[in-house]
Structure formats: C-alpha cells, structure tokens
PDB file of N, CA and C in Angstrom:
ATOM      1  N   MET A   1       1.189  11.847 -26.566  1.00  0.00           N
ATOM      2  CA  MET A   1       1.807  10.705 -25.912  1.00  0.00           C
ATOM      3  C   MET A   1       1.059  10.405 -24.612  1.00  0.00           C
ATOM      4  N   GLU A   2       0.771   9.153 -24.393  1.00  0.00           N
ATOM      5  CA  GLU A   2       0.022   8.725 -23.211  1.00  0.00           C
ATOM      6  C   GLU A   2       0.928   8.689 -21.983  1.00  0.00           C
ATOM      7  N   GLU A   3       0.424   9.228 -20.867  1.00  0.00           N
ATOM      8  CA  GLU A   3       1.182   9.235 -19.617  1.00  0.00           C
ATOM      9  C   GLU A   3       1.169   7.838 -19.000  1.00  0.00           C
ATOM     10  N   LEU A   4       2.326   7.389 -18.562  1.00  0.00           N
ATOM     11  CA  LEU A   4       2.445   6.075 -17.933  1.00  0.00           C
ATOM     12  C   LEU A   4       1.978   6.160 -16.482  1.00  0.00           C
ATOM     13  N   VAL A   5       1.031   5.330 -16.121  1.00  0.00           N
ATOM     14  CA  VAL A   5       0.545   5.268 -14.746  1.00  0.00           C
ATOM     15  C   VAL A   5       1.047   3.958 -14.144  1.00  0.00           C
ATOM     16  N   ILE A   6       1.817   4.081 -13.083  1.00  0.00           N
ATOM     17  CA  ILE A   6       2.388   2.894 -12.442  1.00  0.00           C
ATOM     18  C   ILE A   6       1.358   2.284 -11.497  1.00  0.00           C
ATOM     19  N   HIS A   7       1.240   0.974 -11.560  1.00  0.00           N
ATOM     20  CA  HIS A   7       0.346   0.238 -10.671  1.00  0.00           C
ATOM     21  C   HIS A   7       1.176  -0.612  -9.715  1.00  0.00           C
ATOM     22  N   TYR A   8       0.572  -0.893  -8.581  1.00  0.00           N
ATOM     23  CA  TYR A   8       1.233  -1.681  -7.552  1.00  0.00           C
ATOM     24  C   TYR A   8       0.318  -2.810  -7.104  1.00  0.00           C
ATOM     25  N   ALA A   9       0.908  -3.995  -6.952  1.00  0.00           N
ATOM     26  CA  ALA A   9       0.212  -5.090  -6.281  1.00  0.00           C
ATOM     27  C   ALA A   9       0.538  -4.904  -4.810  1.00  0.00           C
ATOM     28  N   TRP A  10      -0.489  -4.835  -3.988  1.00  0.00           N
ATOM     29  CA  TRP A  10      -0.247  -4.587  -2.570  1.00  0.00           C
ATOM     30  C   TRP A  10      -1.155  -5.439  -1.706  1.00  0.00           C
ATOM     31  N   THR A  11      -0.698  -5.655  -0.475  1.00  0.00           N
ATOM     32  CA  THR A  11      -1.445  -6.428   0.517  1.00  0.00           C
ATOM     33  C   THR A  11      -1.387  -5.695   1.844  1.00  0.00           C
ATOM     34  N   ILE A  12      -2.550  -5.536   2.460  1.00  0.00           N
ATOM     35  CA  ILE A  12      -2.632  -5.001   3.815  1.00  0.00           C
ATOM     36  C   ILE A  12      -3.095  -6.140   4.706  1.00  0.00           C
ATOM     37  N   GLU A  13      -2.325  -6.411   5.763  1.00  0.00           N
ATOM     38  CA  GLU A  13      -2.698  -7.432   6.739  1.00  0.00           C
ATOM     39  C   GLU A  13      -2.785  -6.776   8.107  1.00  0.00           C
ATOM     40  N   ALA A  14      -3.880  -7.048   8.808  1.00  0.00           N
ATOM     41  CA  ALA A  14      -4.076  -6.498  10.154  1.00  0.00           C
ATOM     42  C   ALA A  14      -4.740  -7.555  11.014  1.00  0.00           C
ATOM     43  N   LYS A  15      -4.366  -7.591  12.284  1.00  0.00           N
ATOM     44  CA  LYS A  15      -4.964  -8.562  13.204  1.00  0.00           C
ATOM     45  C   LYS A  15      -6.474  -8.369  13.248  1.00  0.00           C
ATOM     46  N   GLY A  16      -7.186  -9.493  13.176  1.00  0.00           N
ATOM     47  CA  GLY A  16      -8.638  -9.453  13.250  1.00  0.00           C
ATOM     48  C   GLY A  16      -9.329  -9.104  11.946  1.00  0.00           C
ATOM     49  N   ARG A  17      -8.584  -8.974  10.856  1.00  0.00           N
ATOM     50  CA  ARG A  17      -9.154  -8.660   9.540  1.00  0.00           C
ATOM     51  C   ARG A  17      -8.607  -9.641   8.510  1.00  0.00           C
ATOM     52  N   LYS A  18      -9.386  -9.865   7.474  1.00  0.00           N
ATOM     53  CA  LYS A  18      -8.892 -10.645   6.349  1.00  0.00           C
ATOM     54  C   LYS A  18      -7.914  -9.778   5.566  1.00  0.00           C
ATOM     55  N   PRO A  19      -6.849 -10.380   5.017  1.00  0.00           N
ATOM     56  CA  PRO A  19      -5.920  -9.598   4.198  1.00  0.00           C
ATOM     57  C   PRO A  19      -6.647  -8.973   3.005  1.00  0.00           C
ATOM     58  N   ILE A  20      -6.222  -7.790   2.641  1.00  0.00           N
ATOM     59  CA  ILE A  20      -6.764  -7.096   1.473  1.00  0.00           C
ATOM     60  C   ILE A  20      -5.668  -7.091   0.423  1.00  0.00           C
ATOM     61  N   GLN A  21      -5.958  -7.651  -0.751  1.00  0.00           N
ATOM     62  CA  GLN A  21      -4.989  -7.707  -1.840  1.00  0.00           C
ATOM     63  C   GLN A  21      -5.593  -7.043  -3.063  1.00  0.00           C
ATOM     64  N   LYS A  22      -4.869  -6.102  -3.637  1.00  0.00           N
ATOM     65  CA  LYS A  22      -5.359  -5.364  -4.804  1.00  0.00           C
ATOM     66  C   LYS A  22      -4.191  -5.030  -5.721  1.00  0.00           C
ATOM     67  N   VAL A  23      -4.524  -4.632  -6.938  1.00  0.00           N
ATOM     68  CA  VAL A  23      -3.581  -4.021  -7.873  1.00  0.00           C
ATOM     69  C   VAL A  23      -4.202  -2.694  -8.263  1.00  0.00           C
ATOM     70  N   THR A  24      -3.567  -1.589  -7.832  1.00  0.00           N
ATOM     71  CA  THR A  24      -4.113  -0.255  -8.077  1.00  0.00           C
ATOM     72  C   THR A  24      -2.967   0.743  -8.221  1.00  0.00           C
ATOM     73  N   THR A  25      -3.344   1.990  -8.408  1.00  0.00           N
ATOM     74  CA  THR A  25      -2.380   3.085  -8.367  1.00  0.00           C
ATOM     75  C   THR A  25      -2.107   3.437  -6.909  1.00  0.00           C
ATOM     76  N   VAL A  26      -1.086   4.242  -6.679  1.00  0.00           N
ATOM     77  CA  VAL A  26      -0.788   4.704  -5.323  1.00  0.00           C
ATOM     78  C   VAL A  26      -1.967   5.500  -4.775  1.00  0.00           C
ATOM     79  N   ALA A  27      -2.606   6.296  -5.620  1.00  0.00           N
ATOM     80  CA  ALA A  27      -3.741   7.106  -5.165  1.00  0.00           C
ATOM     81  C   ALA A  27      -4.857   6.228  -4.603  1.00  0.00           C
ATOM     82  N   CYS A  28      -5.135   5.117  -5.250  1.00  0.00           N
ATOM     83  CA  CYS A  28      -6.179   4.207  -4.748  1.00  0.00           C
ATOM     84  C   CYS A  28      -5.746   3.539  -3.446  1.00  0.00           C
ATOM     85  N   LEU A  29      -4.479   3.182  -3.338  1.00  0.00           N
ATOM     86  CA  LEU A  29      -3.964   2.604  -2.091  1.00  0.00           C
ATOM     87  C   LEU A  29      -4.125   3.595  -0.943  1.00  0.00           C
ATOM     88  N   VAL A  30      -3.793   4.844  -1.181  1.00  0.00           N
ATOM     89  CA  VAL A  30      -3.931   5.884  -0.161  1.00  0.00           C
ATOM     90  C   VAL A  30      -5.388   6.004   0.272  1.00  0.00           C
ATOM     91  N   ASP A  31      -6.318   5.948  -0.687  1.00  0.00           N
ATOM     92  CA  ASP A  31      -7.748   6.006  -0.352  1.00  0.00           C
ATOM     93  C   ASP A  31      -8.147   4.850   0.557  1.00  0.00           C
ATOM     94  N   VAL A  32      -7.668   3.644   0.264  1.00  0.00           N
ATOM     95  CA  VAL A  32      -7.994   2.476   1.088  1.00  0.00           C
ATOM     96  C   VAL A  32      -7.442   2.661   2.503  1.00  0.00           C
ATOM     97  N   LEU A  33      -6.217   3.148   2.616  1.00  0.00           N
ATOM     98  CA  LEU A  33      -5.637   3.377   3.944  1.00  0.00           C
ATOM     99  C   LEU A  33      -6.452   4.397   4.735  1.00  0.00           C
ATOM    100  N   ARG A  34      -6.933   5.428   4.064  1.00  0.00           N
ATOM    101  CA  ARG A  34      -7.779   6.424   4.744  1.00  0.00           C
ATOM    102  C   ARG A  34      -9.072   5.788   5.250  1.00  0.00           C
ATOM    103  N   ILE A  35      -9.684   4.965   4.415  1.00  0.00           N
ATOM    104  CA  ILE A  35     -10.953   4.324   4.778  1.00  0.00           C
ATOM    105  C   ILE A  35     -10.756   3.365   5.954  1.00  0.00           C
ATOM    106  N   LEU A  36      -9.675   2.578   5.931  1.00  0.00           N
ATOM    107  CA  LEU A  36      -9.430   1.604   6.998  1.00  0.00           C
ATOM    108  C   LEU A  36      -9.110   2.269   8.329  1.00  0.00           C
ATOM    109  N   ASP A  37      -8.524   3.450   8.285  1.00  0.00           N
ATOM    110  CA  ASP A  37      -8.190   4.201   9.499  1.00  0.00           C
ATOM    111  C   ASP A  37      -7.425   3.322  10.493  1.00  0.00           C
ATOM    112  N   LEU A  38      -6.372   2.674  10.012  1.00  0.00           N
ATOM    113  CA  LEU A  38      -5.557   1.799  10.851  1.00  0.00           C
ATOM    114  C   LEU A  38      -4.764   2.617  11.864  1.00  0.00           C
ATOM    115  N   PRO A  39      -4.472   2.039  13.026  1.00  0.00           N
ATOM    116  CA  PRO A  39      -3.702   2.775  14.036  1.00  0.00           C
ATOM    117  C   PRO A  39      -2.292   3.073  13.532  1.00  0.00           C
ATOM    118  N   GLY A  40      -1.837   4.280  13.793  1.00  0.00           N
ATOM    119  CA  GLY A  40      -0.474   4.648  13.453  1.00  0.00           C
ATOM    120  C   GLY A  40      -0.170   4.693  11.974  1.00  0.00           C
ATOM    121  N   VAL A  41      -1.208   4.795  11.143  1.00  0.00           N
ATOM    122  CA  VAL A  41      -0.963   4.811   9.700  1.00  0.00           C
ATOM    123  C   VAL A  41      -0.077   6.003   9.357  1.00  0.00           C
ATOM    124  N   ALA A  42       0.895   5.735   8.514  1.00  0.00           N
ATOM    125  CA  ALA A  42       1.810   6.793   8.090  1.00  0.00           C
ATOM    126  C   ALA A  42       1.037   7.826   7.272  1.00  0.00           C
ATOM    127  N   PRO A  43       1.492   9.067   7.304  1.00  0.00           N
ATOM    128  CA  PRO A  43       0.828  10.078   6.474  1.00  0.00           C
ATOM    129  C   PRO A  43       0.793   9.627   5.016  1.00  0.00           C
ATOM    130  N   THR A  44      -0.265   9.996   4.322  1.00  0.00           N
ATOM    131  CA  THR A  44      -0.429   9.542   2.939  1.00  0.00           C
ATOM    132  C   THR A  44       0.729   9.982   2.052  1.00  0.00           C
ATOM    133  N   ASP A  45       1.338  11.133   2.347  1.00  0.00           N
ATOM    134  CA  ASP A  45       2.496  11.571   1.563  1.00  0.00           C
ATOM    135  C   ASP A  45       3.641  10.570   1.693  1.00  0.00           C
ATOM    136  N   TRP A  46       3.809   9.985   2.888  1.00  0.00           N
ATOM    137  CA  TRP A  46       4.861   8.993   3.094  1.00  0.00           C
ATOM    138  C   TRP A  46       4.592   7.758   2.248  1.00  0.00           C
ATOM    139  N   VAL A  47       3.339   7.292   2.243  1.00  0.00           N
ATOM    140  CA  VAL A  47       2.988   6.098   1.466  1.00  0.00           C
ATOM    141  C   VAL A  47       3.298   6.338  -0.007  1.00  0.00           C
ATOM    142  N   ALA A  48       2.861   7.472  -0.531  1.00  0.00           N
ATOM    143  CA  ALA A  48       3.102   7.790  -1.937  1.00  0.00           C
ATOM    144  C   ALA A  48       4.603   7.875  -2.221  1.00  0.00           C
ATOM    145  N   PHE A  49       5.354   8.522  -1.332  1.00  0.00           N
ATOM    146  CA  PHE A  49       6.799   8.658  -1.524  1.00  0.00           C
ATOM    147  C   PHE A  49       7.485   7.298  -1.507  1.00  0.00           C
ATOM    148  N   GLU A  50       7.180   6.468  -0.517  1.00  0.00           N
ATOM    149  CA  GLU A  50       7.831   5.162  -0.391  1.00  0.00           C
ATOM    150  C   GLU A  50       7.538   4.273  -1.595  1.00  0.00           C
ATOM    151  N   CYS A  51       6.291   4.256  -2.040  1.00  0.00           N
ATOM    152  CA  CYS A  51       5.934   3.420  -3.189  1.00  0.00           C
ATOM    153  C   CYS A  51       6.632   3.910  -4.456  1.00  0.00           C
ATOM    154  N   CYS A  52       6.686   5.212  -4.630  1.00  0.00           N
ATOM    155  CA  CYS A  52       7.298   5.763  -5.842  1.00  0.00           C
ATOM    156  C   CYS A  52       8.822   5.678  -5.796  1.00  0.00           C
ATOM    157  N   ALA A  53       9.401   5.703  -4.605  1.00  0.00           N
ATOM    158  CA  ALA A  53      10.857   5.663  -4.464  1.00  0.00           C
ATOM    159  C   ALA A  53      11.412   4.249  -4.620  1.00  0.00           C
ATOM    160  N   SER A  54      10.601   3.260  -4.346  1.00  0.00           N
ATOM    161  CA  SER A  54      11.057   1.874  -4.395  1.00  0.00           C
ATOM    162  C   SER A  54      10.001   1.035  -5.094  1.00  0.00           C
ATOM    163  N   ASP A  55      10.419   0.147  -5.975  1.00  0.00           N
ATOM    164  CA  ASP A  55       9.430  -0.650  -6.696  1.00  0.00           C
ATOM    165  C   ASP A  55       8.835  -1.767  -5.846  1.00  0.00           C
ATOM    166  N   HIS A  56       9.387  -1.970  -4.648  1.00  0.00           N
ATOM    167  CA  HIS A  56       8.787  -2.938  -3.723  1.00  0.00           C
ATOM    168  C   HIS A  56       9.222  -2.596  -2.296  1.00  0.00           C
ATOM    169  N   GLY A  57       8.446  -3.071  -1.341  1.00  0.00           N
ATOM    170  CA  GLY A  57       8.809  -2.813   0.046  1.00  0.00           C
ATOM    171  C   GLY A  57       7.762  -3.314   1.011  1.00  0.00           C
ATOM    172  N   LYS A  58       8.033  -3.080   2.297  1.00  0.00           N
ATOM    173  CA  LYS A  58       7.108  -3.493   3.351  1.00  0.00           C
ATOM    174  C   LYS A  58       7.196  -2.496   4.495  1.00  0.00           C
ATOM    175  N   TYR A  59       6.039  -2.165   5.034  1.00  0.00           N
ATOM    176  CA  TYR A  59       5.944  -1.325   6.226  1.00  0.00           C
ATOM    177  C   TYR A  59       5.163  -2.118   7.261  1.00  0.00           C
ATOM    178  N   THR A  60       5.665  -2.199   8.484  1.00  0.00           N
ATOM    179  CA  THR A  60       4.948  -2.863   9.569  1.00  0.00           C
ATOM    180  C   THR A  60       4.791  -1.887  10.718  1.00  0.00           C
ATOM    181  N   HIS A  61       3.552  -1.738  11.177  1.00  0.00           N
ATOM    182  CA  HIS A  61       3.263  -0.891  12.334  1.00  0.00           C
ATOM    183  C   HIS A  61       3.210  -1.752  13.583  1.00  0.00           C
ATOM    184  N   ASN A  62       3.941  -1.363  14.622  1.00  0.00           N
ATOM    185  CA  ASN A  62       3.892  -1.996  15.940  1.00  0.00           C
ATOM    186  C   ASN A  62       4.053  -3.516  15.863  1.00  0.00           C
ATOM    187  N   GLU A  63       5.146  -3.951  15.226  1.00  0.00           N
ATOM    188  CA  GLU A  63       5.378  -5.387  15.055  1.00  0.00           C
ATOM    189  C   GLU A  63       5.315  -6.119  16.390  1.00  0.00           C
ATOM    190  N   GLY A  64       4.475  -7.157  16.452  1.00  0.00           N
ATOM    191  CA  GLY A  64       4.297  -7.953  17.658  1.00  0.00           C
ATOM    192  C   GLY A  64       3.283  -7.389  18.628  1.00  0.00           C
ATOM    193  N   GLY A  65       2.806  -6.184  18.379  1.00  0.00           N
ATOM    194  CA  GLY A  65       1.834  -5.552  19.269  1.00  0.00           C
ATOM    195  C   GLY A  65       0.400  -5.943  18.936  1.00  0.00           C
ATOM    196  N   ASP A  66      -0.510  -5.553  19.799  1.00  0.00           N
ATOM    197  CA  ASP A  66      -1.922  -5.881  19.601  1.00  0.00           C
ATOM    198  C   ASP A  66      -2.513  -5.218  18.365  1.00  0.00           C
ATOM    199  N   ASP A  67      -1.977  -4.063  17.987  1.00  0.00           N
ATOM    200  CA  ASP A  67      -2.530  -3.354  16.831  1.00  0.00           C
ATOM    201  C   ASP A  67      -1.600  -3.424  15.613  1.00  0.00           C
ATOM    202  N   GLU A  68      -0.810  -4.514  15.533  1.00  0.00           N
ATOM    203  CA  GLU A  68       0.100  -4.692  14.397  1.00  0.00           C
ATOM    204  C   GLU A  68      -0.670  -4.773  13.088  1.00  0.00           C
ATOM    205  N   TRP A  69      -0.138  -4.125  12.067  1.00  0.00           N
ATOM    206  CA  TRP A  69      -0.638  -4.286  10.707  1.00  0.00           C
ATOM    207  C   TRP A  69       0.529  -4.030   9.763  1.00  0.00           C
ATOM    208  N   SER A  70       0.403  -4.520   8.525  1.00  0.00           N
ATOM    209  CA  SER A  70       1.496  -4.343   7.576  1.00  0.00           C
ATOM    210  C   SER A  70       0.971  -4.054   6.178  1.00  0.00           C
ATOM    211  N   LEU A  71       1.819  -3.401   5.416  1.00  0.00           N
ATOM    212  CA  LEU A  71       1.561  -3.096   4.009  1.00  0.00           C
ATOM    213  C   LEU A  71       2.764  -3.579   3.223  1.00  0.00           C
ATOM    214  N   LYS A  72       2.526  -4.441   2.226  1.00  0.00           N
ATOM    215  CA  LYS A  72       3.568  -4.891   1.309  1.00  0.00           C
ATOM    216  C   LYS A  72       3.174  -4.439  -0.087  1.00  0.00           C
ATOM    217  N   TRP A  73       4.146  -3.983  -0.878  1.00  0.00           N
ATOM    218  CA  TRP A  73       3.831  -3.549  -2.229  1.00  0.00           C
ATOM    219  C   TRP A  73       4.947  -3.916  -3.192  1.00  0.00           C
ATOM    220  N   THR A  74       4.574  -4.047  -4.471  1.00  0.00           N
ATOM    221  CA  THR A  74       5.530  -4.232  -5.552  1.00  0.00           C
ATOM    222  C   THR A  74       4.925  -3.644  -6.817  1.00  0.00           C
ATOM    223  N   SER A  75       5.735  -2.977  -7.613  1.00  0.00           N
ATOM    224  CA  SER A  75       5.220  -2.398  -8.852  1.00  0.00           C
ATOM    225  C   SER A  75       4.984  -3.512  -9.865  1.00  0.00           C
ATOM    226  N   VAL A  76       4.003  -3.305 -10.717  1.00  0.00           N
ATOM    227  CA  VAL A  76       3.664  -4.297 -11.732  1.00  0.00           C
ATOM    228  C   VAL A  76       3.521  -3.602 -13.079  1.00  0.00           C
ATOM    229  N   THR A  77       3.780  -4.361 -14.126  1.00  0.00           N
ATOM    230  CA  THR A  77       3.569  -3.869 -15.476  1.00  0.00           C
ATOM    231  C   THR A  77       2.284  -4.490 -15.991  1.00  0.00           C
ATOM    232  N   LEU A  78       1.350  -3.631 -16.351  1.00  0.00           N
ATOM    233  CA  LEU A  78       0.073  -4.112 -16.861  1.00  0.00           C
ATOM    234  C   LEU A  78       0.130  -4.204 -18.381  1.00  0.00           C
ATOM    235  N   PRO A  79      -0.624  -5.128 -18.979  1.00  0.00           N
ATOM    236  CA  PRO A  79      -0.650  -5.233 -20.439  1.00  0.00           C
ATOM    237  C   PRO A  79      -1.019  -3.885 -21.060  1.00  0.00           C
ATOM    238  N   GLY A  80      -0.257  -3.500 -22.065  1.00  0.00           N
ATOM    239  CA  GLY A  80      -0.521  -2.235 -22.747  1.00  0.00           C
ATOM    240  C   GLY A  80       0.046  -1.041 -22.015  1.00  0.00           C
ATOM    241  N   GLY A  81       0.721  -1.279 -20.853  1.00  0.00           N
ATOM    242  CA  GLY A  81       1.224  -0.170 -20.048  1.00  0.00           C
ATOM    243  C   GLY A  81       2.678   0.059 -20.206  1.00  0.00           C
TER     244      GLY A  81
END
C-alpha cells in the first residue's frame, strides 16, 4: 500500500522580497524557511506540527514591524493522491 504524502499550498511574504508561492510537502517548506533565514522564524518542529495539526493557517512574525513576514498554508489534494 502506498503511503499518502500530504502537500500544502503555501505563501511566504516578507518586506523587501517578492512573495514565494509553492505546493510542496512540509519537509520542503521547512527547507525553504531554513534557506531564507527569516528573523524570528519558528523552530522547524513548530512549522511541521502546525501544518500537520491544521489543514490551513497563517503565522505572522512581528506584525507591523520592520522585519514582518508571514506564512500562509492550506493542504491540497493532488491528482492520484
């Protein structure tokens, strides 16, 4: 039996950067967050937990501040998945 891998459509928005929009697994999202090295990024375990615990959501760091950034996600069903 094939293991079901959940994918998420997600968007990262940060001041001074173009929004990043992708459809990937949580593991790939965590990799992108590590690469971006955004200020105040939540530990990767938190990102994985939040995405898996809820099929959609939003996290905003320092709303209204100079280093504000946000992550929005929603689970998606891929063809054949």
